[in-house]
Amino acid sequence: MTFEDHLAKLKQAGFDCQRESPQRARITRGGYGAIVEDALQGKVRLGKAGVLVGNEIALLVSRGYQMFLLTPSGKEVPALAPQLKALHAFDEDLREALGLISLYNVSLGTTSDEHLYDRVEDRDKPLHPRPWEKKSPLHS
């Protein structure tokens, strides 16, 4: 299948497809969206599905006590339970229309790439402080 064939299949399944480049399209339906890219050899690469906030696709961020939606421009809004449920359904429908597999841990519910609830400062940064490597003030 070509990338065009995949997009035609998505349109038949009720998704709106907006081309961003020859190898990339923005797929939306009912306030939810994702980016699909041509991975060549008849395959596609699916980005994380998210909620449309304005003209941006906001992705889930876990703060431990609640999920939030974070846009690429930095706008953050609390995610509501109905949004999470609908986002999960959107993602499942999108994967099914593209013929992609659904992994067990993903099918349990919505997932996020960032977990920002840890109290350890700078934990997600590539170079973060290591307390055990610092000299204590008593041993200086």
N, C-alpha and C. Protein backbone atom coordinates (compact mmCIF):
# COMPACT_ATOMS: atom_id res chain seq x y z
N MET A 1 0.83 -1.19 0.00
CA MET A 1 0.00 0.00 0.00
C MET A 1 0.88 1.25 0.00
N THR A 2 0.44 2.24 -0.72
CA THR A 2 1.15 3.51 -0.73
C THR A 2 0.62 4.38 0.40
N PHE A 3 1.30 5.48 0.63
CA PHE A 3 0.85 6.43 1.65
C PHE A 3 -0.53 6.97 1.29
N GLU A 4 -0.74 7.21 0.00
CA GLU A 4 -2.05 7.68 -0.48
C GLU A 4 -3.14 6.66 -0.16
N ASP A 5 -2.83 5.38 -0.33
CA ASP A 5 -3.80 4.32 -0.02
C ASP A 5 -4.17 4.34 1.46
N HIS A 6 -3.17 4.54 2.32
CA HIS A 6 -3.43 4.60 3.76
C HIS A 6 -4.34 5.78 4.09
N LEU A 7 -4.06 6.94 3.47
CA LEU A 7 -4.88 8.13 3.73
C LEU A 7 -6.31 7.92 3.22
N ALA A 8 -6.46 7.27 2.08
CA ALA A 8 -7.79 6.99 1.55
C ALA A 8 -8.57 6.07 2.49
N LYS A 9 -7.87 5.10 3.05
CA LYS A 9 -8.49 4.18 4.01
C LYS A 9 -8.96 4.93 5.26
N LEU A 10 -8.15 5.88 5.71
CA LEU A 10 -8.53 6.68 6.87
C LEU A 10 -9.76 7.54 6.59
N LYS A 11 -9.81 8.10 5.39
CA LYS A 11 -10.97 8.91 5.01
C LYS A 11 -12.23 8.06 4.98
N GLN A 12 -12.12 6.83 4.49
CA GLN A 12 -13.26 5.91 4.47
C GLN A 12 -13.73 5.58 5.89
N ALA A 13 -12.80 5.58 6.84
CA ALA A 13 -13.13 5.27 8.23
C ALA A 13 -13.65 6.49 8.99
N GLY A 14 -13.80 7.63 8.30
CA GLY A 14 -14.38 8.82 8.92
C GLY A 14 -13.39 9.81 9.49
N PHE A 15 -12.12 9.66 9.18
CA PHE A 15 -11.10 10.60 9.66
C PHE A 15 -10.89 11.70 8.63
N ASP A 16 -10.53 12.88 9.11
CA ASP A 16 -10.14 13.98 8.23
C ASP A 16 -8.63 13.93 8.08
N CYS A 17 -8.14 14.04 6.85
CA CYS A 17 -6.71 13.97 6.57
C CYS A 17 -6.25 15.28 5.94
N GLN A 18 -5.29 15.92 6.57
CA GLN A 18 -4.76 17.17 6.06
C GLN A 18 -3.26 17.00 5.84
N ARG A 19 -2.84 17.11 4.61
CA ARG A 19 -1.43 16.93 4.27
C ARG A 19 -0.61 18.09 4.81
N GLU A 20 0.49 17.77 5.48
CA GLU A 20 1.44 18.79 5.94
C GLU A 20 2.67 18.81 5.05
N SER A 21 2.95 17.67 4.43
CA SER A 21 4.05 17.53 3.48
C SER A 21 3.76 16.26 2.68
N PRO A 22 4.54 15.97 1.65
CA PRO A 22 4.28 14.74 0.89
C PRO A 22 4.37 13.45 1.71
N GLN A 23 5.16 13.47 2.79
CA GLN A 23 5.32 12.27 3.62
C GLN A 23 4.65 12.36 4.98
N ARG A 24 3.83 13.39 5.19
CA ARG A 24 3.28 13.62 6.53
C ARG A 24 1.86 14.18 6.42
N ALA A 25 0.97 13.65 7.29
CA ALA A 25 -0.42 14.13 7.30
C ALA A 25 -0.92 14.22 8.73
N ARG A 26 -1.79 15.19 8.94
CA ARG A 26 -2.44 15.38 10.24
C ARG A 26 -3.82 14.73 10.14
N ILE A 27 -4.08 13.78 11.04
CA ILE A 27 -5.33 13.03 11.03
C ILE A 27 -6.16 13.49 12.22
N THR A 28 -7.40 13.90 11.97
CA THR A 28 -8.26 14.38 13.05
C THR A 28 -9.66 13.77 12.93
N ARG A 29 -10.34 13.77 14.06
CA ARG A 29 -11.75 13.38 14.11
C ARG A 29 -12.30 13.74 15.49
N GLY A 30 -13.37 14.50 15.50
CA GLY A 30 -14.07 14.79 16.74
C GLY A 30 -13.25 15.43 17.84
N GLY A 31 -12.33 16.32 17.51
CA GLY A 31 -11.54 17.00 18.53
C GLY A 31 -10.27 16.29 18.96
N TYR A 32 -9.89 15.24 18.23
CA TYR A 32 -8.69 14.47 18.55
C TYR A 32 -7.84 14.37 17.30
N GLY A 33 -6.54 14.22 17.46
CA GLY A 33 -5.68 14.18 16.29
C GLY A 33 -4.38 13.45 16.52
N ALA A 34 -3.71 13.15 15.41
CA ALA A 34 -2.39 12.50 15.44
C ALA A 34 -1.70 12.79 14.12
N ILE A 35 -0.41 12.60 14.10
CA ILE A 35 0.38 12.77 12.88
C ILE A 35 0.75 11.39 12.36
N VAL A 36 0.56 11.20 11.06
CA VAL A 36 0.93 9.95 10.40
C VAL A 36 2.00 10.29 9.36
N GLU A 37 3.07 9.50 9.34
CA GLU A 37 4.15 9.73 8.39
C GLU A 37 4.37 8.49 7.53
N ASP A 38 4.80 8.72 6.31
CA ASP A 38 5.13 7.64 5.39
C ASP A 38 6.46 7.04 5.83
N ALA A 39 6.45 5.75 6.16
CA ALA A 39 7.67 5.07 6.60
C ALA A 39 8.28 4.25 5.46
N LEU A 40 7.79 4.46 4.25
CA LEU A 40 8.26 3.78 3.04
C LEU A 40 7.92 2.29 3.06
N GLN A 41 8.06 1.67 1.95
CA GLN A 41 7.77 0.25 1.75
C GLN A 41 6.35 -0.12 2.20
N GLY A 42 5.41 0.82 2.00
CA GLY A 42 4.01 0.53 2.31
C GLY A 42 3.64 0.62 3.77
N LYS A 43 4.54 1.11 4.60
CA LYS A 43 4.26 1.21 6.04
C LYS A 43 4.10 2.66 6.44
N VAL A 44 3.45 2.85 7.59
CA VAL A 44 3.28 4.20 8.13
C VAL A 44 3.77 4.24 9.57
N ARG A 45 4.16 5.43 9.99
CA ARG A 45 4.58 5.66 11.38
C ARG A 45 3.53 6.57 12.00
N LEU A 46 2.97 6.13 13.11
CA LEU A 46 1.91 6.87 13.79
C LEU A 46 2.47 7.57 15.02
N GLY A 47 2.27 8.88 15.07
CA GLY A 47 2.69 9.65 16.24
C GLY A 47 1.67 9.47 17.36
N LYS A 48 1.97 10.01 18.53
CA LYS A 48 1.06 9.94 19.66
C LYS A 48 -0.23 10.68 19.33
N ALA A 49 -1.35 10.08 19.69
CA ALA A 49 -2.64 10.73 19.52
C ALA A 49 -2.84 11.72 20.67
N GLY A 50 -3.55 12.79 20.38
CA GLY A 50 -3.78 13.80 21.40
C GLY A 50 -5.10 14.53 21.19
N VAL A 51 -5.37 15.45 22.07
CA VAL A 51 -6.59 16.25 22.04
C VAL A 51 -6.26 17.56 21.33
N LEU A 52 -7.16 18.00 20.45
CA LEU A 52 -6.95 19.26 19.77
C LEU A 52 -7.25 20.41 20.74
N VAL A 53 -6.26 21.24 20.95
CA VAL A 53 -6.40 22.45 21.75
C VAL A 53 -6.04 23.60 20.82
N GLY A 54 -7.06 24.31 20.37
CA GLY A 54 -6.83 25.30 19.33
C GLY A 54 -6.45 24.57 18.05
N ASN A 55 -5.32 24.94 17.48
CA ASN A 55 -4.86 24.30 16.25
C ASN A 55 -3.73 23.31 16.52
N GLU A 56 -3.48 23.01 17.79
CA GLU A 56 -2.37 22.13 18.16
C GLU A 56 -2.89 20.81 18.71
N ILE A 57 -2.06 19.78 18.59
CA ILE A 57 -2.37 18.48 19.18
C ILE A 57 -1.68 18.42 20.54
N ALA A 58 -2.48 18.43 21.60
CA ALA A 58 -1.95 18.38 22.96
C ALA A 58 -1.79 16.92 23.38
N LEU A 59 -0.61 16.59 23.89
CA LEU A 59 -0.31 15.23 24.32
C LEU A 59 -0.45 15.10 25.83
N LEU A 60 -0.66 13.88 26.28
CA LEU A 60 -0.84 13.63 27.71
C LEU A 60 0.47 13.69 28.48
N VAL A 61 0.40 14.29 29.66
CA VAL A 61 1.50 14.33 30.60
C VAL A 61 0.93 13.90 31.95
N SER A 62 1.60 12.97 32.60
CA SER A 62 1.14 12.51 33.91
C SER A 62 1.83 13.31 35.00
N ARG A 63 1.04 13.86 35.90
CA ARG A 63 1.59 14.57 37.05
C ARG A 63 1.42 13.74 38.33
N GLY A 64 1.09 12.47 38.15
CA GLY A 64 0.92 11.57 39.29
C GLY A 64 -0.48 11.61 39.84
N TYR A 65 -0.95 12.77 40.18
CA TYR A 65 -2.28 12.92 40.74
C TYR A 65 -3.33 13.19 39.67
N GLN A 66 -2.90 13.60 38.47
CA GLN A 66 -3.83 13.88 37.38
C GLN A 66 -3.08 13.91 36.06
N MET A 67 -3.81 13.61 34.99
CA MET A 67 -3.25 13.72 33.65
C MET A 67 -3.53 15.14 33.14
N PHE A 68 -2.58 15.70 32.40
CA PHE A 68 -2.72 17.01 31.80
C PHE A 68 -2.48 16.89 30.31
N LEU A 69 -2.98 17.87 29.56
CA LEU A 69 -2.75 17.96 28.13
C LEU A 69 -1.77 19.11 27.90
N LEU A 70 -0.68 18.83 27.20
CA LEU A 70 0.37 19.82 26.96
C LEU A 70 0.55 20.01 25.46
N THR A 71 0.41 21.26 25.01
CA THR A 71 0.58 21.58 23.59
C THR A 71 2.06 21.82 23.29
N PRO A 72 2.47 21.73 22.03
CA PRO A 72 3.86 22.03 21.68
C PRO A 72 4.27 23.46 22.06
N SER A 73 3.32 24.41 22.10
CA SER A 73 3.64 25.78 22.46
C SER A 73 3.70 25.99 23.97
N GLY A 74 3.38 24.94 24.76
CA GLY A 74 3.50 25.02 26.21
C GLY A 74 2.20 25.24 26.97
N LYS A 75 1.08 25.34 26.28
CA LYS A 75 -0.20 25.51 26.98
C LYS A 75 -0.57 24.18 27.64
N GLU A 76 -0.99 24.26 28.91
CA GLU A 76 -1.31 23.06 29.66
C GLU A 76 -2.71 23.18 30.25
N VAL A 77 -3.53 22.14 30.04
CA VAL A 77 -4.87 22.11 30.60
C VAL A 77 -5.11 20.73 31.22
N PRO A 78 -5.93 20.66 32.27
CA PRO A 78 -6.23 19.36 32.88
C PRO A 78 -6.99 18.48 31.90
N ALA A 79 -6.67 17.20 31.88
CA ALA A 79 -7.40 16.24 31.04
C ALA A 79 -8.58 15.71 31.84
N LEU A 80 -9.73 15.68 31.20
CA LEU A 80 -10.94 15.19 31.85
C LEU A 80 -11.17 13.73 31.50
N ALA A 81 -11.86 13.00 32.37
CA ALA A 81 -12.10 11.57 32.15
C ALA A 81 -12.78 11.29 30.80
N PRO A 82 -13.80 12.06 30.39
CA PRO A 82 -14.40 11.79 29.08
C PRO A 82 -13.41 11.99 27.92
N GLN A 83 -12.50 12.95 28.08
CA GLN A 83 -11.48 13.16 27.05
C GLN A 83 -10.54 11.97 26.95
N LEU A 84 -10.14 11.43 28.09
CA LEU A 84 -9.24 10.28 28.09
C LEU A 84 -9.89 9.07 27.44
N LYS A 85 -11.16 8.87 27.75
CA LYS A 85 -11.89 7.75 27.17
C LYS A 85 -12.02 7.91 25.65
N ALA A 86 -12.37 9.12 25.21
CA ALA A 86 -12.53 9.38 23.78
C ALA A 86 -11.18 9.34 23.05
N LEU A 87 -10.12 9.79 23.72
CA LEU A 87 -8.78 9.74 23.13
C LEU A 87 -8.36 8.29 22.90
N HIS A 88 -8.64 7.45 23.87
CA HIS A 88 -8.32 6.03 23.74
C HIS A 88 -9.08 5.41 22.56
N ALA A 89 -10.37 5.73 22.44
CA ALA A 89 -11.18 5.21 21.33
C ALA A 89 -10.65 5.72 19.99
N PHE A 90 -10.28 7.00 19.93
CA PHE A 90 -9.71 7.58 18.70
C PHE A 90 -8.45 6.83 18.30
N ASP A 91 -7.56 6.61 19.25
CA ASP A 91 -6.30 5.93 18.98
C ASP A 91 -6.54 4.50 18.49
N GLU A 92 -7.44 3.79 19.14
CA GLU A 92 -7.75 2.41 18.73
C GLU A 92 -8.35 2.37 17.32
N ASP A 93 -9.28 3.28 17.03
CA ASP A 93 -9.89 3.33 15.69
C ASP A 93 -8.86 3.67 14.63
N LEU A 94 -7.96 4.60 14.95
CA LEU A 94 -6.92 5.01 14.02
C LEU A 94 -5.98 3.84 13.72
N ARG A 95 -5.56 3.13 14.75
CA ARG A 95 -4.67 1.98 14.57
C ARG A 95 -5.35 0.89 13.73
N GLU A 96 -6.62 0.67 14.02
CA GLU A 96 -7.35 -0.36 13.28
C GLU A 96 -7.47 0.01 11.80
N ALA A 97 -7.77 1.28 11.51
CA ALA A 97 -7.91 1.73 10.13
C ALA A 97 -6.59 1.64 9.37
N LEU A 98 -5.48 1.83 10.07
CA LEU A 98 -4.17 1.75 9.44
C LEU A 98 -3.61 0.33 9.39
N GLY A 99 -4.29 -0.60 10.07
CA GLY A 99 -3.82 -1.98 10.10
C GLY A 99 -2.63 -2.18 11.02
N LEU A 100 -2.50 -1.33 12.03
CA LEU A 100 -1.41 -1.43 12.99
C LEU A 100 -1.83 -2.28 14.17
N ILE A 101 -0.86 -2.88 14.82
CA ILE A 101 -1.19 -3.70 15.99
C ILE A 101 -1.40 -2.79 17.20
N SER A 102 -2.19 -3.27 18.14
CA SER A 102 -2.39 -2.56 19.41
C SER A 102 -1.70 -3.38 20.49
N LEU A 103 -0.81 -2.76 21.20
CA LEU A 103 -0.09 -3.45 22.25
C LEU A 103 -0.92 -3.50 23.52
N TYR A 104 -0.73 -4.53 24.31
CA TYR A 104 -1.54 -4.75 25.50
C TYR A 104 -1.51 -3.57 26.46
N ASN A 105 -0.30 -3.06 26.76
CA ASN A 105 -0.22 -1.97 27.73
C ASN A 105 -0.87 -0.70 27.22
N VAL A 106 -0.87 -0.50 25.92
CA VAL A 106 -1.52 0.67 25.34
C VAL A 106 -3.03 0.49 25.35
N SER A 107 -3.50 -0.72 25.11
CA SER A 107 -4.93 -0.97 25.05
C SER A 107 -5.60 -0.91 26.42
N LEU A 108 -4.81 -0.90 27.49
CA LEU A 108 -5.38 -0.78 28.83
C LEU A 108 -5.95 0.61 29.07
N GLY A 109 -5.48 1.57 28.34
CA GLY A 109 -5.94 2.95 28.51
C GLY A 109 -4.95 3.90 27.90
N THR A 110 -5.12 5.15 28.17
CA THR A 110 -4.24 6.15 27.59
C THR A 110 -2.87 6.10 28.26
N THR A 111 -1.85 6.39 27.49
CA THR A 111 -0.49 6.40 28.00
C THR A 111 0.14 7.76 27.73
N SER A 112 1.19 8.07 28.46
CA SER A 112 1.88 9.34 28.23
C SER A 112 3.38 9.08 28.20
N ASP A 113 4.08 9.92 27.45
CA ASP A 113 5.53 9.79 27.35
C ASP A 113 6.24 10.45 28.52
N GLU A 114 5.59 11.45 29.13
CA GLU A 114 6.22 12.17 30.22
C GLU A 114 5.48 11.92 31.53
N HIS A 115 6.24 11.64 32.56
CA HIS A 115 5.69 11.46 33.90
C HIS A 115 6.39 12.49 34.78
N LEU A 116 5.73 13.61 35.01
CA LEU A 116 6.35 14.72 35.71
C LEU A 116 5.89 14.84 37.16
N TYR A 117 5.65 13.72 37.79
CA TYR A 117 5.17 13.75 39.15
C TYR A 117 6.26 13.43 40.16
N ASP A 118 7.41 13.03 39.70
CA ASP A 118 8.50 12.65 40.58
C ASP A 118 9.03 13.88 41.30
N ARG A 119 9.36 13.74 42.55
CA ARG A 119 9.88 14.87 43.32
C ARG A 119 11.38 15.05 43.13
N VAL A 120 12.01 14.18 42.39
CA VAL A 120 13.43 14.31 42.13
C VAL A 120 13.62 15.37 41.06
N GLU A 121 14.29 16.45 41.40
CA GLU A 121 14.48 17.54 40.47
C GLU A 121 15.35 17.11 39.30
N ASP A 122 14.98 17.58 38.13
CA ASP A 122 15.74 17.37 36.89
C ASP A 122 15.92 15.90 36.53
N ARG A 123 15.03 15.03 37.02
CA ARG A 123 15.15 13.60 36.77
C ARG A 123 15.10 13.26 35.29
N ASP A 124 14.30 13.98 34.50
CA ASP A 124 14.14 13.65 33.09
C ASP A 124 15.16 14.34 32.18
N LYS A 125 16.04 15.14 32.75
CA LYS A 125 17.07 15.80 31.94
C LYS A 125 18.22 14.83 31.71
N PRO A 126 18.91 14.97 30.56
CA PRO A 126 20.00 14.03 30.26
C PRO A 126 21.10 14.03 31.32
N LEU A 127 21.47 15.21 31.79
CA LEU A 127 22.50 15.31 32.82
C LEU A 127 21.84 15.85 34.08
N HIS A 128 21.61 14.99 35.01
CA HIS A 128 20.97 15.41 36.25
C HIS A 128 21.91 15.18 37.42
N PRO A 129 21.71 15.97 38.48
CA PRO A 129 22.61 15.83 39.63
C PRO A 129 22.47 14.46 40.29
N ARG A 130 23.57 13.94 40.74
CA ARG A 130 23.58 12.66 41.45
C ARG A 130 23.99 12.94 42.89
N PRO A 131 23.04 12.87 43.80
CA PRO A 131 23.33 13.24 45.20
C PRO A 131 24.49 12.47 45.81
N TRP A 132 24.66 11.22 45.42
CA TRP A 132 25.72 10.42 46.01
C TRP A 132 27.10 10.81 45.51
N GLU A 133 27.17 11.61 44.44
CA GLU A 133 28.46 12.06 43.92
C GLU A 133 28.87 13.44 44.44
N LYS A 134 27.94 14.13 45.09
CA LYS A 134 28.22 15.45 45.63
C LYS A 134 28.92 15.31 46.99
N LYS A 135 29.82 16.23 47.27
CA LYS A 135 30.44 16.24 48.59
C LYS A 135 29.49 16.90 49.57
N SER A 136 29.36 16.30 50.70
CA SER A 136 28.50 16.92 51.72
C SER A 136 29.25 18.07 52.36
N PRO A 137 28.53 19.07 52.89
CA PRO A 137 29.20 20.20 53.53
C PRO A 137 30.04 19.79 54.74
N LEU A 138 29.70 18.66 55.37
CA LEU A 138 30.45 18.19 56.53
C LEU A 138 31.83 17.65 56.15
N HIS A 139 32.00 17.20 54.91
CA HIS A 139 33.26 16.58 54.48
C HIS A 139 34.06 17.48 53.57
N SER A 140 33.77 18.75 53.55
CA SER A 140 34.50 19.67 52.67
C SER A 140 35.81 20.08 53.26
